[in-house]
PDB file of N, CA and C in Angstrom:
ATOM      1  N   MET A   1     147.054 156.555  49.213  1.00  0.00           N
ATOM      2  CA  MET A   1     148.434 157.122  49.580  1.00  0.00           C
ATOM      3  C   MET A   1     149.324 155.986  49.869  1.00  0.00           C
ATOM      4  N   ASN A   2     150.503 156.074  49.252  1.00  0.00           N
ATOM      5  CA  ASN A   2     151.493 155.022  49.545  1.00  0.00           C
ATOM      6  C   ASN A   2     152.548 155.515  50.595  1.00  0.00           C
ATOM      7  N   LYS A   3     153.462 154.658  50.857  1.00  0.00           N
ATOM      8  CA  LYS A   3     154.481 155.007  51.913  1.00  0.00           C
ATOM      9  C   LYS A   3     155.334 156.252  51.610  1.00  0.00           C
ATOM     10  N   ALA A   4     155.698 156.426  50.328  1.00  0.00           N
ATOM     11  CA  ALA A   4     156.473 157.622  49.944  1.00  0.00           C
ATOM     12  C   ALA A   4     155.645 158.908  50.097  1.00  0.00           C
ATOM     13  N   GLU A   5     154.367 158.821  49.665  1.00  0.00           N
ATOM     14  CA  GLU A   5     153.493 159.954  49.733  1.00  0.00           C
ATOM     15  C   GLU A   5     153.202 160.293  51.237  1.00  0.00           C
ATOM     16  N   LEU A   6     153.059 159.202  52.064  1.00  0.00           N
ATOM     17  CA  LEU A   6     152.883 159.464  53.486  1.00  0.00           C
ATOM     18  C   LEU A   6     154.028 160.150  54.076  1.00  0.00           C
ATOM     19  N   ALA A   7     155.289 159.730  53.742  1.00  0.00           N
ATOM     20  CA  ALA A   7     156.488 160.314  54.271  1.00  0.00           C
ATOM     21  C   ALA A   7     156.633 161.776  53.863  1.00  0.00           C
ATOM     22  N   ALA A   8     156.261 162.046  52.578  1.00  0.00           N
ATOM     23  CA  ALA A   8     156.339 163.418  52.095  1.00  0.00           C
ATOM     24  C   ALA A   8     155.387 164.331  52.845  1.00  0.00           C
ATOM     25  N   GLU A   9     154.185 163.844  53.120  1.00  0.00           N
ATOM     26  CA  GLU A   9     153.114 164.609  53.795  1.00  0.00           C
ATOM     27  C   GLU A   9     153.522 164.856  55.271  1.00  0.00           C
ATOM     28  N   ILE A  10     154.076 163.892  55.942  1.00  0.00           N
ATOM     29  CA  ILE A  10     154.550 164.049  57.280  1.00  0.00           C
ATOM     30  C   ILE A  10     155.742 164.997  57.325  1.00  0.00           C
ATOM     31  N   ALA A  11     156.653 164.926  56.356  1.00  0.00           N
ATOM     32  CA  ALA A  11     157.827 165.759  56.236  1.00  0.00           C
ATOM     33  C   ALA A  11     157.377 167.244  56.141  1.00  0.00           C
ATOM     34  N   SER A  12     156.343 167.450  55.297  1.00  0.00           N
ATOM     35  CA  SER A  12     155.919 168.833  55.098  1.00  0.00           C
ATOM     36  C   SER A  12     155.253 169.421  56.384  1.00  0.00           C
ATOM     37  N   LYS A  13     154.617 168.582  57.098  1.00  0.00           N
ATOM     38  CA  LYS A  13     153.914 169.057  58.323  1.00  0.00           C
ATOM     39  C   LYS A  13     154.838 169.215  59.526  1.00  0.00           C
ATOM     40  N   THR A  14     155.962 168.482  59.538  1.00  0.00           N
ATOM     41  CA  THR A  14     156.867 168.565  60.629  1.00  0.00           C
ATOM     42  C   THR A  14     158.182 169.327  60.430  1.00  0.00           C
ATOM     43  N   ASN A  15     158.429 169.769  59.225  1.00  0.00           N
ATOM     44  CA  ASN A  15     159.621 170.507  58.862  1.00  0.00           C
ATOM     45  C   ASN A  15     160.889 169.589  59.045  1.00  0.00           C
ATOM     46  N   HIS A  16     160.695 168.268  58.855  1.00  0.00           N
ATOM     47  CA  HIS A  16     161.845 167.339  58.927  1.00  0.00           C
ATOM     48  C   HIS A  16     162.073 166.865  57.406  1.00  0.00           C
ATOM     49  N   SER A  17     163.309 166.297  57.249  1.00  0.00           N
ATOM     50  CA  SER A  17     163.525 165.834  55.907  1.00  0.00           C
ATOM     51  C   SER A  17     162.716 164.535  55.575  1.00  0.00           C
ATOM     52  N   LYS A  18     162.441 164.300  54.333  1.00  0.00           N
ATOM     53  CA  LYS A  18     161.712 163.194  53.931  1.00  0.00           C
ATOM     54  C   LYS A  18     162.457 161.845  54.248  1.00  0.00           C
ATOM     55  N   LYS A  19     163.782 161.918  54.143  1.00  0.00           N
ATOM     56  CA  LYS A  19     164.632 160.739  54.460  1.00  0.00           C
ATOM     57  C   LYS A  19     164.496 160.419  55.932  1.00  0.00           C
ATOM     58  N   MET A  20     164.500 161.381  56.783  1.00  0.00           N
ATOM     59  CA  MET A  20     164.366 161.165  58.222  1.00  0.00           C
ATOM     60  C   MET A  20     162.959 160.605  58.562  1.00  0.00           C
ATOM     61  N   VAL A  21     161.921 161.082  57.947  1.00  0.00           N
ATOM     62  CA  VAL A  21     160.597 160.574  58.161  1.00  0.00           C
ATOM     63  C   VAL A  21     160.451 159.199  57.640  1.00  0.00           C
ATOM     64  N   GLU A  22     161.104 158.873  56.494  1.00  0.00           N
ATOM     65  CA  GLU A  22     161.054 157.456  56.077  1.00  0.00           C
ATOM     66  C   GLU A  22     161.782 156.527  56.973  1.00  0.00           C
ATOM     67  N   GLU A  23     162.865 156.991  57.614  1.00  0.00           N
ATOM     68  CA  GLU A  23     163.537 156.133  58.597  1.00  0.00           C
ATOM     69  C   GLU A  23     162.687 155.945  59.843  1.00  0.00           C
ATOM     70  N   MET A  24     161.935 157.005  60.229  1.00  0.00           N
ATOM     71  CA  MET A  24     160.995 156.883  61.428  1.00  0.00           C
ATOM     72  C   MET A  24     159.858 155.927  61.102  1.00  0.00           C
ATOM     73  N   LEU A  25     159.340 156.066  59.842  1.00  0.00           N
ATOM     74  CA  LEU A  25     158.214 155.140  59.493  1.00  0.00           C
ATOM     75  C   LEU A  25     158.745 153.653  59.530  1.00  0.00           C
ATOM     76  N   ALA A  26     159.945 153.452  58.966  1.00  0.00           N
ATOM     77  CA  ALA A  26     160.495 152.089  58.940  1.00  0.00           C
ATOM     78  C   ALA A  26     160.732 151.556  60.384  1.00  0.00           C
ATOM     79  N   ALA A  27     161.200 152.469  61.256  1.00  0.00           N
ATOM     80  CA  ALA A  27     161.359 152.047  62.654  1.00  0.00           C
ATOM     81  C   ALA A  27     160.042 151.760  63.336  1.00  0.00           C
ATOM     82  N   PHE A  28     159.005 152.607  63.065  1.00  0.00           N
ATOM     83  CA  PHE A  28     157.658 152.419  63.590  1.00  0.00           C
ATOM     84  C   PHE A  28     157.109 151.011  63.155  1.00  0.00           C
ATOM     85  N   THR A  29     157.170 150.751  61.858  1.00  0.00           N
ATOM     86  CA  THR A  29     156.643 149.440  61.406  1.00  0.00           C
ATOM     87  C   THR A  29     157.387 148.268  61.998  1.00  0.00           C
ATOM     88  N   GLU A  30     158.710 148.440  62.159  1.00  0.00           N
ATOM     89  CA  GLU A  30     159.512 147.278  62.706  1.00  0.00           C
ATOM     90  C   GLU A  30     159.140 147.054  64.145  1.00  0.00           C
ATOM     91  N   VAL A  31     158.995 148.143  64.968  1.00  0.00           N
ATOM     92  CA  VAL A  31     158.609 148.051  66.393  1.00  0.00           C
ATOM     93  C   VAL A  31     157.264 147.434  66.555  1.00  0.00           C
ATOM     94  N   VAL A  32     156.245 147.956  65.786  1.00  0.00           N
ATOM     95  CA  VAL A  32     154.890 147.466  65.859  1.00  0.00           C
ATOM     96  C   VAL A  32     154.847 145.964  65.447  1.00  0.00           C
ATOM     97  N   THR A  33     155.471 145.647  64.306  1.00  0.00           N
ATOM     98  CA  THR A  33     155.462 144.236  63.814  1.00  0.00           C
ATOM     99  C   THR A  33     156.101 143.351  64.835  1.00  0.00           C
ATOM    100  N   THR A  34     157.234 143.735  65.423  1.00  0.00           N
ATOM    101  CA  THR A  34     157.895 142.856  66.362  1.00  0.00           C
ATOM    102  C   THR A  34     157.039 142.699  67.697  1.00  0.00           C
ATOM    103  N   ALA A  35     156.415 143.776  68.183  1.00  0.00           N
ATOM    104  CA  ALA A  35     155.627 143.724  69.348  1.00  0.00           C
ATOM    105  C   ALA A  35     154.356 142.815  69.135  1.00  0.00           C
ATOM    106  N   VAL A  36     153.639 143.025  67.971  1.00  0.00           N
ATOM    107  CA  VAL A  36     152.437 142.245  67.705  1.00  0.00           C
ATOM    108  C   VAL A  36     152.839 140.783  67.482  1.00  0.00           C
ATOM    109  N   ALA A  37     153.908 140.489  66.827  1.00  0.00           N
ATOM    110  CA  ALA A  37     154.330 139.128  66.572  1.00  0.00           C
ATOM    111  C   ALA A  37     154.663 138.436  67.918  1.00  0.00           C
ATOM    112  N   GLY A  38     155.211 139.235  68.897  1.00  0.00           N
ATOM    113  CA  GLY A  38     155.507 138.691  70.228  1.00  0.00           C
ATOM    114  C   GLY A  38     154.313 138.582  71.127  1.00  0.00           C
ATOM    115  N   GLY A  39     153.106 138.942  70.653  1.00  0.00           N
ATOM    116  CA  GLY A  39     151.914 138.838  71.456  1.00  0.00           C
ATOM    117  C   GLY A  39     151.488 140.055  72.162  1.00  0.00           C
ATOM    118  N   ASP A  40     152.172 141.135  72.039  1.00  0.00           N
ATOM    119  CA  ASP A  40     151.877 142.434  72.678  1.00  0.00           C
ATOM    120  C   ASP A  40     150.795 143.194  71.848  1.00  0.00           C
ATOM    121  N   ARG A  41     150.067 144.095  72.559  1.00  0.00           N
ATOM    122  CA  ARG A  41     149.125 144.987  71.856  1.00  0.00           C
ATOM    123  C   ARG A  41     149.862 146.335  71.811  1.00  0.00           C
ATOM    124  N   VAL A  42     149.686 147.071  70.741  1.00  0.00           N
ATOM    125  CA  VAL A  42     150.235 148.382  70.524  1.00  0.00           C
ATOM    126  C   VAL A  42     149.047 149.349  70.413  1.00  0.00           C
ATOM    127  N   THR A  43     148.844 150.183  71.420  1.00  0.00           N
ATOM    128  CA  THR A  43     147.726 151.085  71.483  1.00  0.00           C
ATOM    129  C   THR A  43     148.183 152.481  71.316  1.00  0.00           C
ATOM    130  N   MET A  44     147.576 153.199  70.311  1.00  0.00           N
ATOM    131  CA  MET A  44     147.800 154.636  70.211  1.00  0.00           C
ATOM    132  C   MET A  44     146.395 155.306  70.382  1.00  0.00           C
ATOM    133  N   VAL A  45     146.213 155.881  71.610  1.00  0.00           N
ATOM    134  CA  VAL A  45     144.937 156.442  71.939  1.00  0.00           C
ATOM    135  C   VAL A  45     144.430 157.431  70.941  1.00  0.00           C
ATOM    136  N   GLY A  46     143.155 157.247  70.455  1.00  0.00           N
ATOM    137  CA  GLY A  46     142.641 158.084  69.452  1.00  0.00           C
ATOM    138  C   GLY A  46     142.849 157.551  68.060  1.00  0.00           C
ATOM    139  N   PHE A  47     143.949 156.795  67.796  1.00  0.00           N
ATOM    140  CA  PHE A  47     144.176 156.231  66.518  1.00  0.00           C
ATOM    141  C   PHE A  47     143.733 154.873  66.370  1.00  0.00           C
ATOM    142  N   GLY A  48     144.230 153.977  67.227  1.00  0.00           N
ATOM    143  CA  GLY A  48     143.801 152.583  67.195  1.00  0.00           C
ATOM    144  C   GLY A  48     144.733 151.624  67.898  1.00  0.00           C
ATOM    145  N   THR A  49     144.422 150.323  67.785  1.00  0.00           N
ATOM    146  CA  THR A  49     145.197 149.287  68.459  1.00  0.00           C
ATOM    147  C   THR A  49     145.572 148.239  67.418  1.00  0.00           C
ATOM    148  N   PHE A  50     146.829 147.860  67.493  1.00  0.00           N
ATOM    149  CA  PHE A  50     147.327 146.703  66.714  1.00  0.00           C
ATOM    150  C   PHE A  50     147.526 145.535  67.575  1.00  0.00           C
ATOM    151  N   GLU A  51     147.020 144.394  67.170  1.00  0.00           N
ATOM    152  CA  GLU A  51     147.153 143.156  68.027  1.00  0.00           C
ATOM    153  C   GLU A  51     147.127 141.959  67.174  1.00  0.00           C
ATOM    154  N   LYS A  52     147.427 140.789  67.837  1.00  0.00           N
ATOM    155  CA  LYS A  52     147.453 139.494  67.208  1.00  0.00           C
ATOM    156  C   LYS A  52     146.167 138.811  67.668  1.00  0.00           C
ATOM    157  N   ARG A  53     145.457 138.218  66.694  1.00  0.00           N
ATOM    158  CA  ARG A  53     144.189 137.472  66.949  1.00  0.00           C
ATOM    159  C   ARG A  53     144.306 136.029  66.497  1.00  0.00           C
ATOM    160  N   GLU A  54     143.558 135.149  67.139  1.00  0.00           N
ATOM    161  CA  GLU A  54     143.578 133.727  66.795  1.00  0.00           C
ATOM    162  C   GLU A  54     142.403 133.519  65.850  1.00  0.00           C
ATOM    163  N   ARG A  55     142.538 132.735  64.829  1.00  0.00           N
ATOM    164  CA  ARG A  55     141.484 132.272  63.959  1.00  0.00           C
ATOM    165  C   ARG A  55     141.323 130.741  64.203  1.00  0.00           C
ATOM    166  N   LYS A  56     140.131 130.325  64.455  1.00  0.00           N
ATOM    167  CA  LYS A  56     139.846 128.917  64.636  1.00  0.00           C
ATOM    168  C   LYS A  56     139.956 128.153  63.341  1.00  0.00           C
ATOM    169  N   ALA A  57     140.286 126.840  63.503  1.00  0.00           N
ATOM    170  CA  ALA A  57     140.242 125.980  62.321  1.00  0.00           C
ATOM    171  C   ALA A  57     138.767 125.870  61.839  1.00  0.00           C
ATOM    172  N   ARG A  58     138.603 125.716  60.536  1.00  0.00           N
ATOM    173  CA  ARG A  58     137.243 125.633  60.027  1.00  0.00           C
ATOM    174  C   ARG A  58     137.270 124.861  58.700  1.00  0.00           C
ATOM    175  N   GLU A  59     136.040 124.508  58.352  1.00  0.00           N
ATOM    176  CA  GLU A  59     135.837 123.938  56.942  1.00  0.00           C
ATOM    177  C   GLU A  59     135.151 124.883  56.068  1.00  0.00           C
ATOM    178  N   THR A  60     135.465 124.890  54.857  1.00  0.00           N
ATOM    179  CA  THR A  60     134.850 125.791  53.858  1.00  0.00           C
ATOM    180  C   THR A  60     134.790 125.116  52.558  1.00  0.00           C
ATOM    181  N   ASN A  61     134.089 125.780  51.612  1.00  0.00           N
ATOM    182  CA  ASN A  61     133.973 125.215  50.232  1.00  0.00           C
ATOM    183  C   ASN A  61     135.222 125.419  49.502  1.00  0.00           C
ATOM    184  N   ASN A  62     135.604 124.410  48.676  1.00  0.00           N
ATOM    185  CA  ASN A  62     136.833 124.488  47.868  1.00  0.00           C
ATOM    186  C   ASN A  62     136.494 125.312  46.642  1.00  0.00           C
ATOM    187  N   PRO A  63     137.107 126.473  46.419  1.00  0.00           N
ATOM    188  CA  PRO A  63     136.799 127.339  45.242  1.00  0.00           C
ATOM    189  C   PRO A  63     137.158 126.689  43.923  1.00  0.00           C
ATOM    190  N   ARG A  64     138.019 125.705  43.946  1.00  0.00           N
ATOM    191  CA  ARG A  64     138.456 125.062  42.677  1.00  0.00           C
ATOM    192  C   ARG A  64     137.515 123.899  42.295  1.00  0.00           C
ATOM    193  N   LYS A  65     136.894 123.299  43.351  1.00  0.00           N
ATOM    194  CA  LYS A  65     135.983 122.214  43.083  1.00  0.00           C
ATOM    195  C   LYS A  65     134.688 122.442  43.794  1.00  0.00           C
ATOM    196  N   PRO A  66     133.694 123.029  43.173  1.00  0.00           N
ATOM    197  CA  PRO A  66     132.413 123.301  43.814  1.00  0.00           C
ATOM    198  C   PRO A  66     131.798 122.092  44.421  1.00  0.00           C
ATOM    199  N   GLY A  67     131.285 122.272  45.644  1.00  0.00           N
ATOM    200  CA  GLY A  67     130.645 121.160  46.406  1.00  0.00           C
ATOM    201  C   GLY A  67     131.602 120.399  47.291  1.00  0.00           C
ATOM    202  N   GLU A  68     132.910 120.504  47.073  1.00  0.00           N
ATOM    203  CA  GLU A  68     133.894 119.810  47.860  1.00  0.00           C
ATOM    204  C   GLU A  68     134.290 120.742  49.092  1.00  0.00           C
ATOM    205  N   LYS A  69     134.488 120.102  50.218  1.00  0.00           N
ATOM    206  CA  LYS A  69     134.858 120.844  51.412  1.00  0.00           C
ATOM    207  C   LYS A  69     136.413 120.727  51.586  1.00  0.00           C
ATOM    208  N   ILE A  70     137.003 121.821  52.167  1.00  0.00           N
ATOM    209  CA  ILE A  70     138.450 121.725  52.440  1.00  0.00           C
ATOM    210  C   ILE A  70     138.563 122.269  53.905  1.00  0.00           C
ATOM    211  N   SER A  71     139.648 121.809  54.545  1.00  0.00           N
ATOM    212  CA  SER A  71     139.912 122.197  55.936  1.00  0.00           C
ATOM    213  C   SER A  71     140.882 123.282  55.996  1.00  0.00           C
ATOM    214  N   VAL A  72     140.596 124.407  56.738  1.00  0.00           N
ATOM    215  CA  VAL A  72     141.550 125.544  56.876  1.00  0.00           C
ATOM    216  C   VAL A  72     142.054 125.472  58.256  1.00  0.00           C
ATOM    217  N   PRO A  73     143.321 125.329  58.460  1.00  0.00           N
ATOM    218  CA  PRO A  73     143.870 125.221  59.835  1.00  0.00           C
ATOM    219  C   PRO A  73     143.793 126.565  60.631  1.00  0.00           C
ATOM    220  N   ALA A  74     143.855 126.436  61.957  1.00  0.00           N
ATOM    221  CA  ALA A  74     143.891 127.586  62.850  1.00  0.00           C
ATOM    222  C   ALA A  74     145.116 128.349  62.603  1.00  0.00           C
ATOM    223  N   LYS A  75     145.089 129.690  62.724  1.00  0.00           N
ATOM    224  CA  LYS A  75     146.276 130.491  62.596  1.00  0.00           C
ATOM    225  C   LYS A  75     146.092 131.809  63.349  1.00  0.00           C
ATOM    226  N   ARG A  76     147.186 132.492  63.420  1.00  0.00           N
ATOM    227  CA  ARG A  76     147.256 133.833  64.079  1.00  0.00           C
ATOM    228  C   ARG A  76     147.321 134.867  62.999  1.00  0.00           C
ATOM    229  N   VAL A  77     146.592 135.971  63.119  1.00  0.00           N
ATOM    230  CA  VAL A  77     146.562 137.050  62.136  1.00  0.00           C
ATOM    231  C   VAL A  77     146.712 138.413  62.790  1.00  0.00           C
ATOM    232  N   PRO A  78     147.388 139.379  62.198  1.00  0.00           N
ATOM    233  CA  PRO A  78     147.465 140.730  62.670  1.00  0.00           C
ATOM    234  C   PRO A  78     146.111 141.435  62.527  1.00  0.00           C
ATOM    235  N   ALA A  79     145.806 142.303  63.458  1.00  0.00           N
ATOM    236  CA  ALA A  79     144.491 142.995  63.379  1.00  0.00           C
ATOM    237  C   ALA A  79     144.738 144.386  63.846  1.00  0.00           C
ATOM    238  N   PHE A  80     143.870 145.308  63.279  1.00  0.00           N
ATOM    239  CA  PHE A  80     143.894 146.713  63.671  1.00  0.00           C
ATOM    240  C   PHE A  80     142.496 147.114  63.964  1.00  0.00           C
ATOM    241  N   SER A  81     142.318 147.730  65.069  1.00  0.00           N
ATOM    242  CA  SER A  81     141.007 148.289  65.531  1.00  0.00           C
ATOM    243  C   SER A  81     141.130 149.807  65.642  1.00  0.00           C
ATOM    244  N   PRO A  82     140.347 150.514  64.832  1.00  0.00           N
ATOM    245  CA  PRO A  82     140.464 151.985  64.913  1.00  0.00           C
ATOM    246  C   PRO A  82     139.934 152.500  66.232  1.00  0.00           C
ATOM    247  N   GLY A  83     140.540 153.626  66.678  1.00  0.00           N
ATOM    248  CA  GLY A  83     140.075 154.288  67.857  1.00  0.00           C
ATOM    249  C   GLY A  83     138.870 155.161  67.633  1.00  0.00           C
ATOM    250  N   LYS A  84     138.234 155.656  68.614  1.00  0.00           N
ATOM    251  CA  LYS A  84     137.011 156.403  68.523  1.00  0.00           C
ATOM    252  C   LYS A  84     137.271 157.677  67.717  1.00  0.00           C
ATOM    253  N   GLU A  85     138.353 158.416  67.945  1.00  0.00           N
ATOM    254  CA  GLU A  85     138.572 159.653  67.174  1.00  0.00           C
ATOM    255  C   GLU A  85     138.726 159.356  65.695  1.00  0.00           C
ATOM    256  N   PHE A  86     139.420 158.231  65.381  1.00  0.00           N
ATOM    257  CA  PHE A  86     139.664 157.860  63.979  1.00  0.00           C
ATOM    258  C   PHE A  86     138.320 157.618  63.299  1.00  0.00           C
ATOM    259  N   ARG A  87     137.480 156.750  64.006  1.00  0.00           N
ATOM    260  CA  ARG A  87     136.228 156.327  63.517  1.00  0.00           C
ATOM    261  C   ARG A  87     135.293 157.581  63.313  1.00  0.00           C
ATOM    262  N   ASP A  88     135.307 158.465  64.219  1.00  0.00           N
ATOM    263  CA  ASP A  88     134.512 159.668  64.141  1.00  0.00           C
ATOM    264  C   ASP A  88     134.886 160.542  62.917  1.00  0.00           C
ATOM    265  N   ARG A  89     136.196 160.704  62.670  1.00  0.00           N
ATOM    266  CA  ARG A  89     136.713 161.526  61.604  1.00  0.00           C
ATOM    267  C   ARG A  89     136.277 160.879  60.279  1.00  0.00           C
ATOM    268  N   VAL A  90     136.347 159.553  60.193  1.00  0.00           N
ATOM    269  CA  VAL A  90     135.965 158.838  58.977  1.00  0.00           C
ATOM    270  C   VAL A  90     134.516 158.992  58.674  1.00  0.00           C
ATOM    271  N   ASN A  91     133.751 158.999  59.700  1.00  0.00           N
ATOM    272  CA  ASN A  91     132.301 159.025  59.527  1.00  0.00           C
ATOM    273  C   ASN A  91     131.697 160.435  59.387  1.00  0.00           C
ATOM    274  N   ASN A  92     132.500 161.433  59.574  1.00  0.00           N
ATOM    275  CA  ASN A  92     131.966 162.797  59.399  1.00  0.00           C
ATOM    276  C   ASN A  92     132.505 163.551  58.273  1.00  0.00           C
TER     277      ASN A  92
END
């Protein structure tokens, strides 16, 4: 399901216009992105948690030159952890 299909599905369930739902989805993604980038966690009970995680620096194999090692610097990455209700629905 892509963003347009998601908006259409939500619009049909809420009796709102697709355009209004698309604006709400855009606002949702902007708020979550800004909060996570700023170091905050966004928790939606039952659905999941969006957060920023740290990845340590490491060495790995160079895919272009087998046998050669390359250094991968430390970085921050966005992460999503599904909530219990979400996991349960996926597993049933």
